[in-house]
C-alpha atoms as a PDB file:
ATOM      1  CA  MET A   1      24.245 -27.187  14.066  1.00  0.00           C
ATOM      2  CA  THR A   2      21.850 -29.026  11.707  1.00  0.00           C
ATOM      3  CA  ALA A   3      19.355 -27.100   9.468  1.00  0.00           C
ATOM      4  CA  SER A   4      17.187 -29.762   9.801  1.00  0.00           C
ATOM      5  CA  ARG A   5      16.528 -29.845  13.807  1.00  0.00           C
ATOM      6  CA  VAL A   6      12.857 -29.152  14.698  1.00  0.00           C
ATOM      7  CA  VAL A   7      11.667 -26.482  17.056  1.00  0.00           C
ATOM      8  CA  ILE A   8       9.640 -27.552  20.230  1.00  0.00           C
ATOM      9  CA  GLY A   9       9.566 -24.675  22.023  1.00  0.00           C
ATOM     10  CA  THR A  10      11.074 -21.273  23.218  1.00  0.00           C
ATOM     11  CA  ILE A  11      13.419 -20.034  26.541  1.00  0.00           C
ATOM     12  CA  GLY A  12      11.766 -17.831  28.471  1.00  0.00           C
ATOM     13  CA  ARG A  13      12.835 -16.684  32.024  1.00  0.00           C
ATOM     14  CA  PRO A  14      15.016 -17.809  34.121  1.00  0.00           C
ATOM     15  CA  HIS A  15      13.855 -19.735  37.312  1.00  0.00           C
ATOM     16  CA  GLY A  16      15.918 -19.582  39.739  1.00  0.00           C
ATOM     17  CA  VAL A  17      19.995 -19.396  40.837  1.00  0.00           C
ATOM     18  CA  ARG A  18      21.624 -22.186  39.552  1.00  0.00           C
ATOM     19  CA  GLY A  19      20.678 -21.597  36.009  1.00  0.00           C
ATOM     20  CA  GLY A  20      16.957 -23.202  35.397  1.00  0.00           C
ATOM     21  CA  VAL A  21      14.527 -21.432  32.476  1.00  0.00           C
ATOM     22  CA  ARG A  22      11.286 -21.390  32.257  1.00  0.00           C
ATOM     23  CA  ALA A  23      10.163 -23.163  29.100  1.00  0.00           C
ATOM     24  CA  ARG A  24       7.310 -22.745  26.647  1.00  0.00           C
ATOM     25  CA  ALA A  25       6.496 -26.084  24.009  1.00  0.00           C
ATOM     26  CA  SER A  26       4.972 -25.924  20.885  1.00  0.00           C
ATOM     27  CA  GLY A  27       4.079 -29.467  20.991  1.00  0.00           C
ATOM     28  CA  PRO A  28       3.727 -32.402  23.276  1.00  0.00           C
ATOM     29  CA  THR A  29       7.756 -33.129  22.402  1.00  0.00           C
ATOM     30  CA  LEU A  30       9.292 -30.428  25.036  1.00  0.00           C
ATOM     31  CA  GLY A  31       7.355 -32.285  28.182  1.00  0.00           C
ATOM     32  CA  THR A  32       9.355 -35.919  27.086  1.00  0.00           C
ATOM     33  CA  LEU A  33      12.948 -34.661  27.424  1.00  0.00           C
ATOM     34  CA  GLU A  34      14.663 -36.654  29.915  1.00  0.00           C
ATOM     35  CA  ARG A  35      18.298 -35.770  32.082  1.00  0.00           C
ATOM     36  CA  GLY A  36      21.457 -36.616  29.460  1.00  0.00           C
ATOM     37  CA  GLU A  37      19.739 -35.127  26.330  1.00  0.00           C
ATOM     38  CA  VAL A  38      21.160 -32.867  23.524  1.00  0.00           C
ATOM     39  CA  VAL A  39      19.253 -29.430  22.465  1.00  0.00           C
ATOM     40  CA  GLU A  40      20.678 -26.773  20.563  1.00  0.00           C
ATOM     41  CA  ALA A  41      19.648 -23.120  21.898  1.00  0.00           C
ATOM     42  CA  ARG A  42      19.008 -21.003  18.184  1.00  0.00           C
ATOM     43  CA  PRO A  43      19.172 -17.375  20.469  1.00  0.00           C
ATOM     44  CA  ARG A  44      17.600 -14.456  18.376  1.00  0.00           C
ATOM     45  CA  ASP A  45      20.768 -12.682  18.294  1.00  0.00           C
ATOM     46  CA  GLY A  46      24.198 -14.929  18.330  1.00  0.00           C
ATOM     47  CA  ALA A  47      24.715 -18.451  17.193  1.00  0.00           C
ATOM     48  CA  PRO A  48      23.504 -21.170  17.684  1.00  0.00           C
ATOM     49  CA  ARG A  49      24.735 -23.855  20.818  1.00  0.00           C
ATOM     50  CA  LEU A  50      24.423 -27.486  22.301  1.00  0.00           C
ATOM     51  CA  LEU A  51      23.132 -27.709  25.636  1.00  0.00           C
ATOM     52  CA  THR A  52      22.803 -31.017  27.284  1.00  0.00           C
ATOM     53  CA  VAL A  53      19.023 -31.549  29.916  1.00  0.00           C
ATOM     54  CA  ALA A  54      20.445 -31.804  33.286  1.00  0.00           C
ATOM     55  CA  GLU A  55      17.431 -31.242  35.152  1.00  0.00           C
ATOM     56  CA  ARG A  56      13.016 -30.823  33.985  1.00  0.00           C
ATOM     57  CA  GLY A  57      10.430 -29.939  36.589  1.00  0.00           C
ATOM     58  CA  GLY A  58       7.504 -28.081  35.892  1.00  0.00           C
ATOM     59  CA  MET A  59       4.781 -29.400  33.990  1.00  0.00           C
ATOM     60  CA  ALA A  60       4.659 -31.043  30.704  1.00  0.00           C
ATOM     61  CA  ASP A  61       4.147 -27.837  28.279  1.00  0.00           C
ATOM     62  CA  ALA A  62       5.879 -25.267  30.529  1.00  0.00           C
ATOM     63  CA  PRO A  63       8.571 -27.291  32.307  1.00  0.00           C
ATOM     64  CA  VAL A  64      11.540 -25.724  33.834  1.00  0.00           C
ATOM     65  CA  LEU A  65      14.848 -27.241  32.161  1.00  0.00           C
ATOM     66  CA  ARG A  66      18.223 -26.589  34.099  1.00  0.00           C
ATOM     67  CA  PHE A  67      21.614 -27.328  31.765  1.00  0.00           C
ATOM     68  CA  ASP A  68      24.570 -28.706  32.410  1.00  0.00           C
ATOM     69  CA  GLU A  69      26.159 -25.377  30.324  1.00  0.00           C
ATOM     70  CA  VAL A  70      23.980 -22.578  31.712  1.00  0.00           C
ATOM     71  CA  GLY A  71      25.560 -22.506  35.103  1.00  0.00           C
ATOM     72  CA  ASP A  72      23.378 -19.123  36.979  1.00  0.00           C
ATOM     73  CA  ARG A  73      21.032 -16.774  36.278  1.00  0.00           C
ATOM     74  CA  GLU A  74      22.261 -14.636  33.980  1.00  0.00           C
ATOM     75  CA  ALA A  75      23.733 -17.209  31.803  1.00  0.00           C
ATOM     76  CA  ALA A  76      20.193 -18.726  31.929  1.00  0.00           C
ATOM     77  CA  ALA A  77      18.850 -14.608  30.755  1.00  0.00           C
ATOM     78  CA  ALA A  78      21.016 -14.713  28.122  1.00  0.00           C
ATOM     79  CA  LEU A  79      18.839 -17.857  26.647  1.00  0.00           C
ATOM     80  CA  THR A  80      15.643 -15.638  26.743  1.00  0.00           C
ATOM     81  CA  GLY A  81      13.798 -16.276  23.516  1.00  0.00           C
ATOM     82  CA  ALA A  82      16.223 -19.198  22.450  1.00  0.00           C
ATOM     83  CA  GLU A  83      14.800 -21.538  20.294  1.00  0.00           C
ATOM     84  CA  ILE A  84      14.611 -25.515  21.492  1.00  0.00           C
ATOM     85  CA  ALA A  85      15.312 -27.470  18.675  1.00  0.00           C
ATOM     86  CA  VAL A  86      15.245 -31.189  18.332  1.00  0.00           C
ATOM     87  CA  GLU A  87      16.855 -34.260  15.845  1.00  0.00           C
ATOM     88  CA  PRO A  88      13.393 -34.933  13.686  1.00  0.00           C
ATOM     89  CA  GLY A  89      13.690 -38.341  14.817  1.00  0.00           C
ATOM     90  CA  ARG A  90      13.204 -36.932  18.795  1.00  0.00           C
ATOM     91  CA  ILE A  91       9.686 -36.119  17.808  1.00  0.00           C
ATOM     92  CA  ALA A  92       6.767 -37.110  19.866  1.00  0.00           C
ATOM     93  CA  GLU A  93       4.432 -38.959  17.671  1.00  0.00           C
ATOM     94  CA  LEU A  94       1.114 -36.892  17.250  1.00  0.00           C
ATOM     95  CA  GLY A  95      -2.170 -39.540  17.959  1.00  0.00           C
ATOM     96  CA  ASP A  96      -4.669 -37.665  16.512  1.00  0.00           C
ATOM     97  CA  PRO A  97      -5.580 -37.638  12.448  1.00  0.00           C
ATOM     98  CA  ASP A  98      -6.428 -34.157  12.974  1.00  0.00           C
ATOM     99  CA  THR A  99      -3.619 -32.230  14.738  1.00  0.00           C
ATOM    100  CA  PHE A 100      -0.522 -31.430  12.686  1.00  0.00           C
ATOM    101  CA  PHE A 101       3.306 -30.063  13.044  1.00  0.00           C
ATOM    102  CA  VAL A 102       3.795 -26.422  12.211  1.00  0.00           C
ATOM    103  CA  ARG A 103       6.761 -27.132   9.711  1.00  0.00           C
ATOM    104  CA  ASP A 104       4.361 -29.758   7.734  1.00  0.00           C
ATOM    105  CA  LEU A 105       1.868 -26.198   7.326  1.00  0.00           C
ATOM    106  CA  VAL A 106       3.931 -22.817   6.620  1.00  0.00           C
ATOM    107  CA  GLY A 107       4.357 -22.996   3.271  1.00  0.00           C
ATOM    108  CA  CYS A 108       1.687 -25.139   1.582  1.00  0.00           C
ATOM    109  CA  GLU A 109      -0.390 -22.769  -0.497  1.00  0.00           C
ATOM    110  CA  VAL A 110      -3.848 -21.129   0.355  1.00  0.00           C
ATOM    111  CA  LEU A 111      -6.970 -21.713  -2.383  1.00  0.00           C
ATOM    112  CA  LEU A 112     -10.343 -19.770  -1.384  1.00  0.00           C
ATOM    113  CA  GLY A 113     -11.836 -22.146  -3.797  1.00  0.00           C
ATOM    114  CA  ASP A 114     -10.006 -22.089  -6.699  1.00  0.00           C
ATOM    115  CA  ARG A 115      -8.515 -18.961  -6.611  1.00  0.00           C
ATOM    116  CA  PRO A 116      -4.878 -18.438  -5.237  1.00  0.00           C
ATOM    117  CA  LEU A 117      -4.591 -16.760  -1.766  1.00  0.00           C
ATOM    118  CA  GLY A 118      -1.347 -17.505  -0.976  1.00  0.00           C
ATOM    119  CA  PRO A 119       1.667 -19.279   0.976  1.00  0.00           C
ATOM    120  CA  VAL A 120       1.005 -20.299   4.611  1.00  0.00           C
ATOM    121  CA  SER A 121       4.113 -17.963   6.665  1.00  0.00           C
ATOM    122  CA  ASP A 122       2.861 -19.176  10.203  1.00  0.00           C
ATOM    123  CA  VAL A 123       0.591 -20.788  12.303  1.00  0.00           C
ATOM    124  CA  ILE A 124      -1.018 -18.498  15.492  1.00  0.00           C
ATOM    125  CA  ALA A 125      -2.377 -20.770  18.701  1.00  0.00           C
ATOM    126  CA  ALA A 126      -5.340 -19.372  20.092  1.00  0.00           C
ATOM    127  CA  PRO A 127      -7.726 -20.495  23.018  1.00  0.00           C
ATOM    128  CA  ALA A 128     -10.798 -21.527  20.775  1.00  0.00           C
ATOM    129  CA  ASN A 129      -9.033 -22.366  17.004  1.00  0.00           C
ATOM    130  CA  ASP A 130      -5.608 -22.208  15.886  1.00  0.00           C
ATOM    131  CA  ALA A 131      -4.808 -19.702  12.674  1.00  0.00           C
ATOM    132  CA  LEU A 132      -3.112 -19.924   9.219  1.00  0.00           C
ATOM    133  CA  GLU A 133      -1.264 -16.290   8.506  1.00  0.00           C
ATOM    134  CA  VAL A 134      -1.179 -16.348   4.927  1.00  0.00           C
ATOM    135  CA  ALA A 135       0.842 -14.131   3.100  1.00  0.00           C
ATOM    136  CA  THR A 136      -0.954 -12.758   0.820  1.00  0.00           C
ATOM    137  CA  ALA A 137       0.092  -9.909  -2.338  1.00  0.00           C
ATOM    138  CA  ASP A 138      -1.753  -6.616   0.021  1.00  0.00           C
ATOM    139  CA  GLY A 139      -0.546  -8.318   3.296  1.00  0.00           C
ATOM    140  CA  PRO A 140      -1.162 -10.937   5.934  1.00  0.00           C
ATOM    141  CA  VAL A 141      -4.220 -12.427   6.519  1.00  0.00           C
ATOM    142  CA  LEU A 142      -5.581 -14.561   8.947  1.00  0.00           C
ATOM    143  CA  VAL A 143      -7.291 -17.551   7.942  1.00  0.00           C
ATOM    144  CA  PRO A 144      -9.717 -19.762  10.861  1.00  0.00           C
ATOM    145  CA  PHE A 145      -8.055 -23.646  10.362  1.00  0.00           C
ATOM    146  CA  THR A 146     -10.831 -25.229  11.150  1.00  0.00           C
ATOM    147  CA  ALA A 147     -13.264 -28.318   9.968  1.00  0.00           C
ATOM    148  CA  ASP A 148     -16.000 -25.699   8.833  1.00  0.00           C
ATOM    149  CA  ALA A 149     -13.344 -23.341   6.950  1.00  0.00           C
ATOM    150  CA  VAL A 150     -11.142 -26.213   5.446  1.00  0.00           C
ATOM    151  CA  ARG A 151     -12.626 -27.878   2.274  1.00  0.00           C
ATOM    152  CA  ASP A 152      -9.603 -30.214   1.719  1.00  0.00           C
ATOM    153  CA  LEU A 153      -5.931 -30.517   2.890  1.00  0.00           C
ATOM    154  CA  ASP A 154      -3.683 -31.788   1.016  1.00  0.00           C
ATOM    155  CA  LEU A 155       0.001 -31.924   2.788  1.00  0.00           C
ATOM    156  CA  PRO A 156       2.075 -34.540   0.347  1.00  0.00           C
ATOM    157  CA  GLY A 157       0.693 -31.536  -2.472  1.00  0.00           C
ATOM    158  CA  ARG A 158       1.267 -28.814  -0.067  1.00  0.00           C
ATOM    159  CA  ARG A 159      -2.246 -27.318  -1.089  1.00  0.00           C
ATOM    160  CA  ILE A 160      -5.064 -26.213   1.761  1.00  0.00           C
ATOM    161  CA  VAL A 161      -8.142 -25.518   0.025  1.00  0.00           C
ATOM    162  CA  VAL A 162     -10.839 -23.413   2.067  1.00  0.00           C
ATOM    163  CA  ARG A 163     -14.235 -22.226   1.312  1.00  0.00           C
ATOM    164  CA  PRO A 164     -14.598 -19.500  -1.521  1.00  0.00           C
ATOM    165  CA  ASP A 165     -16.793 -17.161   0.687  1.00  0.00           C
ATOM    166  CA  LEU A 166     -14.914 -17.356   4.074  1.00  0.00           C
ATOM    167  CA  LEU A 167     -13.153 -13.943   3.421  1.00  0.00           C
ATOM    168  CA  GLY A 168     -16.446 -12.349   2.192  1.00  0.00           C
END
């Protein structure tokens, strides 16, 4: 398996008795998968495995997938919680200059004004706005990922500057 593959979603619970699974997208790519495409399933426990898309239904952000290698409900249930990953070249374009891939933000150093806060360890999706989870010396801190909070975003420099008064 390739470490450079990019996660595009997560497999949810089984759907039906023929091996279908519900999936949750982490971006636009999952909803564009076509029959015959190969993805990597990364279960929480166990080795990653390659699966071939047999069918895709449902909605783009919450598709129902069936794979050639998964023939029944029990096999589908064993995939629950697995990440779905594809080659980087298969990732759909974002099309919005204010939208970013999580993989591009994780690891960026966050500065509170000119004071280092810590690296981004995760991005938490929320209904109103996403939040950056920053690993600080005192534990994780959530920072709103909004135009009001972020003063400078330098992805090539791996640096995000937020308002100095943001955390009080």
